Amino acid sequence: MRILALLLAFLAGPALSQGFAGLGTQAEGFAVPARDPVFDFPADHGAHPAYRIEWWYLTATLTGEDGQDYGVQWTLFRSALAPRTAPGWEAPQLWMGHAGLTTATQHFSAERLGRGGIGQAGVTAMPFEAWIDDWSMRSTARTGEDALSALSLTARGGEFSYALDLNATGPLVFHGDEGYSVKSAEGQASYYYSQPFYEVTGTLSLPGGEVAVTGNAWLDREWSSQPLSESQDGWDWFSLQFADGARMMGFGLRDRAGGVFTSATWIAPDGTETAYGDGALRLTPLALTEVAGRDVPTEWQVELPARGVDIVTRPLNPRSWMNTSFAYWEGPIRFEGSHAGRGYLEMTGYE
C-alpha cells in the first residue's frame, strides 16, 4: 500500500491537468533534454534518475500458427519524486509496468506497481535487464553487439502470459534532431530513439490455450522531465511497418485549444532515418468506437505527402482498452492505400 500511496501522491491533484498523466508538470530541479545530444551506449539503455519520467516501451505485431493476428505490449515506466539516487526505501524512483495482449475478439491488460531501491523493479544497463516483479525484458545479445539487438520478453496477467524472443535485423533509429524530439510549439522535448527492426518468435498463453507466434516488434526508448506543454492533454502515436521493409513513426499531440503538434520519422529498410517536423504529418480520424464509456477514433487517415504516404488504418480489435491507472487505447492495426502493412496505435487523453 505504501507504494500505491506514493504513486498516487506523485501523480494526483493539479499535475493531472498539466498534460496527460501530469507529463506537462514543470520540471523544476530535474535535468531537461538539450539539443545536440551525445548518446552513450550501453549506459543510455539504462535508467536516467536525473530526469523525471522515462520508459522502455515495446509493441509486437504477431501471427499465430492458427493463422490469426495478435498484438503484444510490454512497457516499464520510471517516475522520479526527486532528481537523486538513494538506497533502499529512500530511493525516489517509482516504477509502473503495463502488459497487453490483443486478439480480434479480446483484449487483456495488466499493471504492476513497484518502488526502486528494494529490488522489486528497475533497469540495469550492463547486462541490460528491465524488470518489475516477474516481468522481464532481458538482453540475450552476444558479446560486442548492442545490448538491445536481442531480447527475451516475459509478462503475465490474470488470464494471459507471453514469452517472446526478439532479434534485431537493423540499427537503432534516432527521432527528431538526432534523438532530440520536440513535442510542442513551446519547445518541450525528450530524448527518443527506437529499435524498430525486431523479428519475433515465441508463445502466447490465452484462456483457450497456447499459441506459437512469429512477427515483428518495435522498442521505443524515451526520457525527459516535462515532455508535454501544460495545455497538451493527449496523443495519437503510430508505428508502421511497410511491406517493402521501410518503417515510419508518427505522432500528433493534441492541445486543449484544438491544435495538434505533429512529428514523424521515415525509416528506410537499411535504417537511414529522415525526420519531419510539425505540420508535415496529417492525421485525420475517420471512425469512432465507444470504448469504456467514451468515443475513441479507431480508424485513421495517415498522410505524409513528402513520402507519398496516404493510408487508412484499421484496428485488429477496436476495443483494445488498457484498463490501467491512466487508461488509454493501445492495439495492433493494419493499413492500406498508397502503402500496405501493419503496425501499432496508441491513443491517450480521451475522456
Protein backbone atom coordinates (compact mmCIF):
# COMPACT_ATOMS: atom_id res chain seq x y z
CA MET A 1 0.00 0.00 0.00
CA ARG A 2 2.92 2.37 0.64
CA ILE A 3 3.99 2.04 -3.00
CA LEU A 4 0.48 2.77 -4.27
CA ALA A 5 0.08 5.74 -1.93
CA LEU A 6 3.35 7.24 -3.09
CA LEU A 7 2.45 6.74 -6.74
CA LEU A 8 -0.94 8.37 -6.31
CA ALA A 9 0.52 11.23 -4.29
CA PHE A 10 3.04 11.91 -7.02
CA LEU A 11 0.57 11.80 -9.88
CA ALA A 12 -2.63 13.12 -8.30
CA GLY A 13 -4.02 16.59 -7.87
CA PRO A 14 -3.04 19.59 -10.02
CA ALA A 15 -0.50 17.60 -12.03
CA LEU A 16 -3.29 15.73 -13.78
CA SER A 17 -4.43 18.92 -15.51
CA GLN A 18 -0.93 19.59 -16.82
CA GLY A 19 -0.71 17.31 -19.82
CA PHE A 20 -1.84 13.70 -19.94
CA ALA A 21 -0.83 11.87 -16.73
CA GLY A 22 0.93 15.01 -15.46
CA LEU A 23 3.54 14.96 -18.25
CA GLY A 24 3.20 18.73 -18.62
CA THR A 25 4.17 19.37 -14.99
CA GLN A 26 7.02 21.82 -14.50
CA ALA A 27 10.42 20.10 -14.26
CA GLU A 28 11.94 22.26 -11.52
CA GLY A 29 15.06 20.63 -10.12
CA PHE A 30 15.25 17.94 -12.80
CA ALA A 31 17.52 17.78 -15.82
CA VAL A 32 15.94 18.70 -19.16
CA PRO A 33 16.92 17.47 -22.63
CA ALA A 34 19.26 19.66 -24.67
CA ARG A 35 19.89 19.84 -28.38
CA ASP A 36 22.82 18.01 -29.95
CA PRO A 37 22.68 15.00 -27.64
CA VAL A 38 25.61 12.64 -27.41
CA PHE A 39 24.34 9.17 -26.57
CA ASP A 40 26.49 6.73 -24.62
CA PHE A 41 25.71 3.05 -25.12
CA PRO A 42 25.17 0.76 -23.37
CA ALA A 43 24.74 3.26 -20.48
CA ASP A 44 21.82 5.08 -22.14
CA HIS A 45 19.84 1.85 -22.43
CA GLY A 46 19.64 2.06 -18.63
CA ALA A 47 17.88 4.50 -16.30
CA HIS A 48 18.44 8.28 -16.08
CA PRO A 49 17.48 9.24 -12.49
CA ALA A 50 18.24 12.96 -13.04
CA TYR A 51 15.18 13.08 -15.36
CA ARG A 52 11.61 12.89 -14.07
CA ILE A 53 10.00 10.41 -16.49
CA GLU A 54 11.30 7.56 -18.63
CA TRP A 55 10.03 4.45 -20.40
CA TRP A 56 11.01 1.23 -22.15
CA TYR A 57 8.09 0.51 -24.47
CA LEU A 58 7.75 -2.49 -26.78
CA THR A 59 4.94 -3.47 -29.14
CA ALA A 60 4.76 -6.56 -31.36
CA THR A 61 2.56 -7.44 -34.33
CA LEU A 62 2.28 -11.21 -34.45
CA THR A 63 0.72 -14.05 -36.44
CA GLY A 64 -0.12 -17.33 -34.76
CA GLU A 65 0.29 -20.87 -36.02
CA ASP A 66 -3.51 -20.78 -36.13
CA GLY A 67 -3.35 -18.08 -38.82
CA GLN A 68 -4.77 -15.37 -36.54
CA ASP A 69 -3.29 -11.92 -35.86
CA TYR A 70 -2.22 -10.92 -32.35
CA GLY A 71 -0.64 -7.91 -30.66
CA VAL A 72 1.55 -7.66 -27.57
CA GLN A 73 2.63 -4.67 -25.49
CA TRP A 74 5.27 -4.50 -22.71
CA THR A 75 6.11 -1.19 -21.01
CA LEU A 76 8.11 -0.18 -17.96
CA PHE A 77 7.70 3.41 -16.74
CA ARG A 78 10.02 5.17 -14.30
CA SER A 79 8.87 8.29 -12.43
CA ALA A 80 11.11 10.22 -10.03
CA LEU A 81 9.98 12.00 -6.90
CA ALA A 82 13.34 13.82 -6.81
CA PRO A 83 16.39 14.06 -9.10
CA ARG A 84 18.69 11.92 -6.97
CA THR A 85 19.56 8.35 -6.10
CA ALA A 86 19.38 6.67 -2.70
CA PRO A 87 19.43 3.11 -1.38
CA GLY A 88 16.51 1.01 -0.18
CA TRP A 89 13.18 2.62 0.67
CA GLU A 90 14.78 6.07 0.43
CA ALA A 91 15.11 5.70 -3.36
CA PRO A 92 12.86 8.30 -5.03
CA GLN A 93 12.15 6.14 -8.12
CA LEU A 94 8.65 4.78 -8.72
CA TRP A 95 8.03 2.09 -11.32
CA MET A 96 4.90 1.04 -13.21
CA GLY A 97 4.63 -1.86 -15.67
CA HIS A 98 1.94 -2.34 -18.30
CA ALA A 99 1.37 -5.51 -20.34
CA GLY A 100 -1.25 -6.08 -23.01
CA LEU A 101 -2.28 -8.89 -25.34
CA THR A 102 -4.77 -8.32 -28.15
CA THR A 103 -6.76 -10.74 -30.30
CA ALA A 104 -9.51 -9.98 -32.81
CA THR A 105 -12.16 -10.57 -30.12
CA GLN A 106 -10.41 -9.98 -26.78
CA HIS A 107 -8.03 -7.51 -25.18
CA PHE A 108 -6.17 -8.31 -21.97
CA SER A 109 -4.24 -5.84 -19.84
CA ALA A 110 -2.28 -5.97 -16.60
CA GLU A 111 -0.43 -3.48 -14.41
CA ARG A 112 2.31 -3.73 -11.79
CA LEU A 113 3.49 -1.01 -9.40
CA GLY A 114 6.88 -1.02 -7.72
CA ARG A 115 9.38 1.01 -5.73
CA GLY A 116 13.00 1.45 -6.72
CA GLY A 117 15.86 0.64 -4.39
CA ILE A 118 14.46 -2.60 -2.97
CA GLY A 119 14.97 -4.87 -5.99
CA GLN A 120 11.30 -5.09 -6.94
CA ALA A 121 11.74 -3.14 -10.17
CA GLY A 122 14.48 -1.43 -12.08
CA VAL A 123 16.77 -1.35 -15.09
CA THR A 124 20.44 -2.26 -15.40
CA ALA A 125 22.49 -1.24 -18.43
CA MET A 126 25.20 -3.94 -18.19
CA PRO A 127 23.98 -6.57 -18.52
CA PHE A 128 20.79 -5.00 -19.82
CA GLU A 129 17.61 -6.00 -18.00
CA ALA A 130 14.38 -4.14 -17.26
CA TRP A 131 12.04 -5.81 -14.77
CA ILE A 132 9.15 -5.40 -12.39
CA ASP A 133 8.26 -8.37 -10.19
CA ASP A 134 8.37 -11.41 -12.51
CA TRP A 135 8.06 -9.42 -15.76
CA SER A 136 11.33 -9.06 -17.61
CA MET A 137 12.96 -7.60 -20.72
CA ARG A 138 16.46 -9.07 -20.79
CA SER A 139 19.30 -8.82 -23.28
CA THR A 140 20.43 -12.02 -24.96
CA ALA A 141 22.87 -10.24 -27.30
CA ARG A 142 26.27 -11.71 -28.00
CA THR A 143 29.43 -10.02 -26.75
CA GLY A 144 30.27 -6.98 -28.87
CA GLU A 145 26.69 -6.46 -30.11
CA ASP A 146 24.34 -3.72 -28.99
CA ALA A 147 22.54 -4.83 -25.83
CA LEU A 148 19.13 -4.25 -27.42
CA SER A 149 19.92 -6.27 -30.55
CA ALA A 150 18.50 -9.44 -28.97
CA LEU A 151 15.98 -9.67 -26.13
CA SER A 152 13.85 -12.13 -24.22
CA LEU A 153 10.50 -10.77 -23.03
CA THR A 154 8.06 -12.15 -20.46
CA ALA A 155 4.92 -10.90 -18.71
CA ARG A 156 1.72 -12.29 -17.29
CA GLY A 157 -1.72 -11.09 -16.23
CA GLY A 158 -4.75 -12.77 -14.75
CA GLU A 159 -5.79 -14.52 -17.99
CA PHE A 160 -2.73 -14.30 -20.22
CA SER A 161 1.03 -14.51 -20.43
CA TYR A 162 3.68 -14.46 -23.12
CA ALA A 163 7.30 -15.40 -23.65
CA LEU A 164 8.99 -13.94 -26.73
CA ASP A 165 12.47 -13.90 -28.27
CA LEU A 166 13.45 -10.84 -30.34
CA ASN A 167 16.35 -10.40 -32.73
CA ALA A 168 17.07 -7.09 -34.50
CA THR A 169 17.88 -7.06 -38.21
CA GLY A 170 18.68 -3.34 -38.41
CA PRO A 171 20.24 -0.48 -36.40
CA LEU A 172 18.91 1.85 -33.71
CA VAL A 173 16.96 4.82 -35.09
CA PHE A 174 17.06 8.36 -33.61
CA HIS A 175 13.98 10.58 -33.86
CA GLY A 176 13.76 14.33 -34.32
CA ASP A 177 17.13 16.08 -34.42
CA GLU A 178 19.46 13.10 -33.89
CA GLY A 179 17.43 11.91 -30.89
CA TYR A 180 16.23 15.31 -29.61
CA SER A 181 12.46 15.04 -30.18
CA VAL A 182 10.48 18.29 -29.91
CA LYS A 183 6.94 17.83 -28.63
CA SER A 184 5.36 21.30 -28.68
CA ALA A 185 5.49 24.76 -30.20
CA GLU A 186 6.82 25.96 -26.83
CA GLY A 187 9.81 23.65 -27.21
CA GLN A 188 9.21 20.85 -24.72
CA ALA A 189 11.26 17.85 -25.79
CA SER A 190 12.51 14.38 -24.96
CA TYR A 191 15.41 12.16 -25.87
CA TYR A 192 13.91 9.50 -28.14
CA TYR A 193 15.33 6.55 -30.06
CA SER A 194 13.95 3.19 -31.21
CA GLN A 195 14.87 -0.29 -32.29
CA PRO A 196 12.15 -0.93 -34.94
CA PHE A 197 13.65 -3.98 -36.67
CA TYR A 198 12.94 -6.95 -34.43
CA GLU A 199 11.92 -10.33 -35.74
CA VAL A 200 9.95 -12.26 -33.11
CA THR A 201 9.25 -15.86 -32.19
CA GLY A 202 7.55 -17.14 -29.07
CA THR A 203 4.42 -18.34 -27.33
CA LEU A 204 1.23 -16.66 -26.12
CA SER A 205 -0.82 -18.24 -23.33
CA LEU A 206 -4.54 -17.44 -23.57
CA PRO A 207 -7.68 -18.81 -21.88
CA GLY A 208 -8.07 -21.16 -24.84
CA GLY A 209 -4.52 -22.49 -24.66
CA GLU A 210 -1.05 -21.73 -26.00
CA VAL A 211 -0.32 -20.33 -29.46
CA ALA A 212 3.09 -20.24 -31.14
CA VAL A 213 3.65 -16.90 -32.90
CA THR A 214 6.05 -15.11 -35.22
CA GLY A 215 6.16 -11.48 -36.29
CA ASN A 216 7.84 -8.13 -35.77
CA ALA A 217 8.39 -5.79 -32.84
CA TRP A 218 9.34 -2.18 -32.14
CA LEU A 219 11.05 -0.85 -28.99
CA ASP A 220 10.90 2.83 -28.01
CA ARG A 221 13.26 4.44 -25.51
CA GLU A 222 12.38 7.89 -24.25
CA TRP A 223 13.16 10.13 -21.29
CA SER A 224 12.50 13.71 -20.27
CA SER A 225 11.32 15.80 -17.35
CA GLN A 226 8.47 17.77 -18.97
CA PRO A 227 7.81 16.14 -22.36
CA LEU A 228 4.48 17.92 -22.92
CA SER A 229 3.33 21.51 -22.63
CA GLU A 230 0.80 22.24 -19.91
CA SER A 231 -2.01 22.56 -22.48
CA GLN A 232 -1.41 19.23 -24.26
CA ASP A 233 -3.77 16.57 -22.98
CA GLY A 234 -3.16 13.51 -25.14
CA TRP A 235 -1.54 11.99 -28.19
CA ASP A 236 -2.09 9.63 -31.11
CA TRP A 237 1.07 7.62 -31.88
CA PHE A 238 1.64 5.28 -34.82
CA SER A 239 4.42 2.81 -35.59
CA LEU A 240 4.08 1.46 -39.13
CA GLN A 241 5.85 -1.40 -40.90
CA PHE A 242 5.58 -1.25 -44.71
CA ALA A 243 5.58 -4.27 -46.99
CA ASP A 244 8.86 -3.16 -48.65
CA GLY A 245 10.76 -3.13 -45.31
CA ALA A 246 10.53 0.61 -44.60
CA ARG A 247 9.13 1.87 -41.29
CA MET A 248 7.52 5.08 -40.09
CA MET A 249 6.88 6.62 -36.69
CA GLY A 250 4.40 9.47 -36.38
CA PHE A 251 2.52 11.21 -33.61
CA GLY A 252 0.08 14.04 -33.06
CA LEU A 253 -0.05 15.80 -29.67
CA ARG A 254 -3.46 17.34 -29.05
CA ASP A 255 -3.90 20.73 -27.42
CA ARG A 256 -6.95 21.67 -25.35
CA ALA A 257 -7.45 24.64 -27.68
CA GLY A 258 -7.88 22.24 -30.60
CA GLY A 259 -4.42 22.33 -32.17
CA VAL A 260 -2.25 19.32 -32.98
CA PHE A 261 1.57 19.27 -32.94
CA THR A 262 2.95 16.56 -35.22
CA SER A 263 6.23 14.81 -35.82
CA ALA A 264 7.30 11.87 -37.98
CA THR A 265 10.34 9.78 -38.82
CA TRP A 266 10.70 7.92 -42.11
CA ILE A 267 12.96 4.87 -41.72
CA ALA A 268 14.42 3.28 -44.85
CA PRO A 269 14.89 -0.52 -44.92
CA ASP A 270 18.60 -0.05 -44.10
CA GLY A 271 17.75 2.11 -41.05
CA THR A 272 18.51 5.51 -42.55
CA GLU A 273 16.12 7.97 -40.90
CA THR A 274 14.59 11.22 -42.15
CA ALA A 275 12.82 13.49 -39.66
CA TYR A 276 9.72 15.56 -40.46
CA GLY A 277 8.69 18.41 -38.18
CA ASP A 278 5.38 19.91 -37.18
CA GLY A 279 2.82 20.03 -39.98
CA ALA A 280 4.39 17.51 -42.35
CA LEU A 281 2.27 14.65 -40.98
CA ARG A 282 -1.52 14.78 -41.28
CA LEU A 283 -3.72 12.64 -39.02
CA THR A 284 -7.48 12.55 -39.68
CA PRO A 285 -9.87 10.42 -37.59
CA LEU A 286 -12.38 8.55 -39.78
CA ALA A 287 -14.47 6.42 -37.41
CA LEU A 288 -15.26 6.35 -33.70
CA THR A 289 -15.78 3.39 -31.39
CA GLU A 290 -17.43 3.66 -27.98
CA VAL A 291 -14.93 2.14 -25.57
CA ALA A 292 -15.15 2.27 -21.78
CA GLY A 293 -17.87 4.91 -21.98
CA ARG A 294 -16.03 7.28 -24.31
CA ASP A 295 -15.75 7.80 -28.08
CA VAL A 296 -12.31 6.87 -29.39
CA PRO A 297 -11.17 7.33 -33.03
CA THR A 298 -10.18 3.84 -34.08
CA GLU A 299 -9.84 4.35 -37.86
CA TRP A 300 -7.46 6.99 -39.23
CA GLN A 301 -6.21 8.52 -42.43
CA VAL A 302 -2.45 9.00 -42.12
CA GLU A 303 -0.69 11.20 -44.68
CA LEU A 304 2.97 12.08 -45.10
CA PRO A 305 2.96 13.77 -48.53
CA ALA A 306 6.75 14.13 -48.63
CA ARG A 307 6.94 10.33 -48.85
CA GLY A 308 3.76 9.73 -50.84
CA VAL A 309 2.06 8.13 -47.84
CA ASP A 310 -1.74 8.23 -47.82
CA ILE A 311 -3.15 5.28 -45.92
CA VAL A 312 -6.16 4.25 -43.87
CA THR A 313 -5.52 2.32 -40.65
CA ARG A 314 -7.96 -0.14 -39.09
CA PRO A 315 -7.59 -1.91 -35.74
CA LEU A 316 -7.43 -5.63 -35.15
CA ASN A 317 -9.75 -5.05 -32.19
CA PRO A 318 -11.44 -1.63 -31.85
CA ARG A 319 -11.93 -2.23 -28.11
CA SER A 320 -8.25 -2.51 -27.22
CA TRP A 321 -8.56 -0.54 -23.98
CA MET A 322 -5.81 -0.62 -21.36
CA ASN A 323 -7.68 -0.59 -18.06
CA THR A 324 -4.77 0.75 -16.03
CA SER A 325 -4.16 3.62 -13.59
CA PHE A 326 -4.04 6.02 -16.56
CA ALA A 327 -6.32 4.31 -19.06
CA TYR A 328 -5.65 4.53 -22.79
CA TRP A 329 -6.25 2.74 -26.12
CA GLU A 330 -3.45 0.51 -27.40
CA GLY A 331 -3.55 -2.12 -30.11
CA PRO A 332 -2.31 -3.55 -33.42
CA ILE A 333 -3.51 -2.13 -36.74
CA ARG A 334 -3.40 -2.94 -40.44
CA PHE A 335 -3.36 -0.31 -43.17
CA GLU A 336 -3.86 0.05 -46.91
CA GLY A 337 -3.86 2.77 -49.54
CA SER A 338 -0.62 4.12 -51.03
CA HIS A 339 1.18 1.54 -48.87
CA ALA A 340 0.15 -1.67 -47.11
CA GLY A 341 1.34 -3.21 -43.89
CA ARG A 342 0.68 -3.36 -40.20
CA GLY A 343 1.72 -1.59 -37.05
CA TYR A 344 0.61 -0.29 -33.66
CA LEU A 345 -1.51 2.62 -32.47
CA GLU A 346 -1.55 4.23 -29.03
CA MET A 347 -4.08 6.92 -28.10
CA THR A 348 -4.21 8.75 -24.76
CA GLY A 349 -6.29 11.51 -23.19
CA TYR A 350 -9.73 10.53 -24.48
CA GLU A 351 -12.19 11.24 -21.66
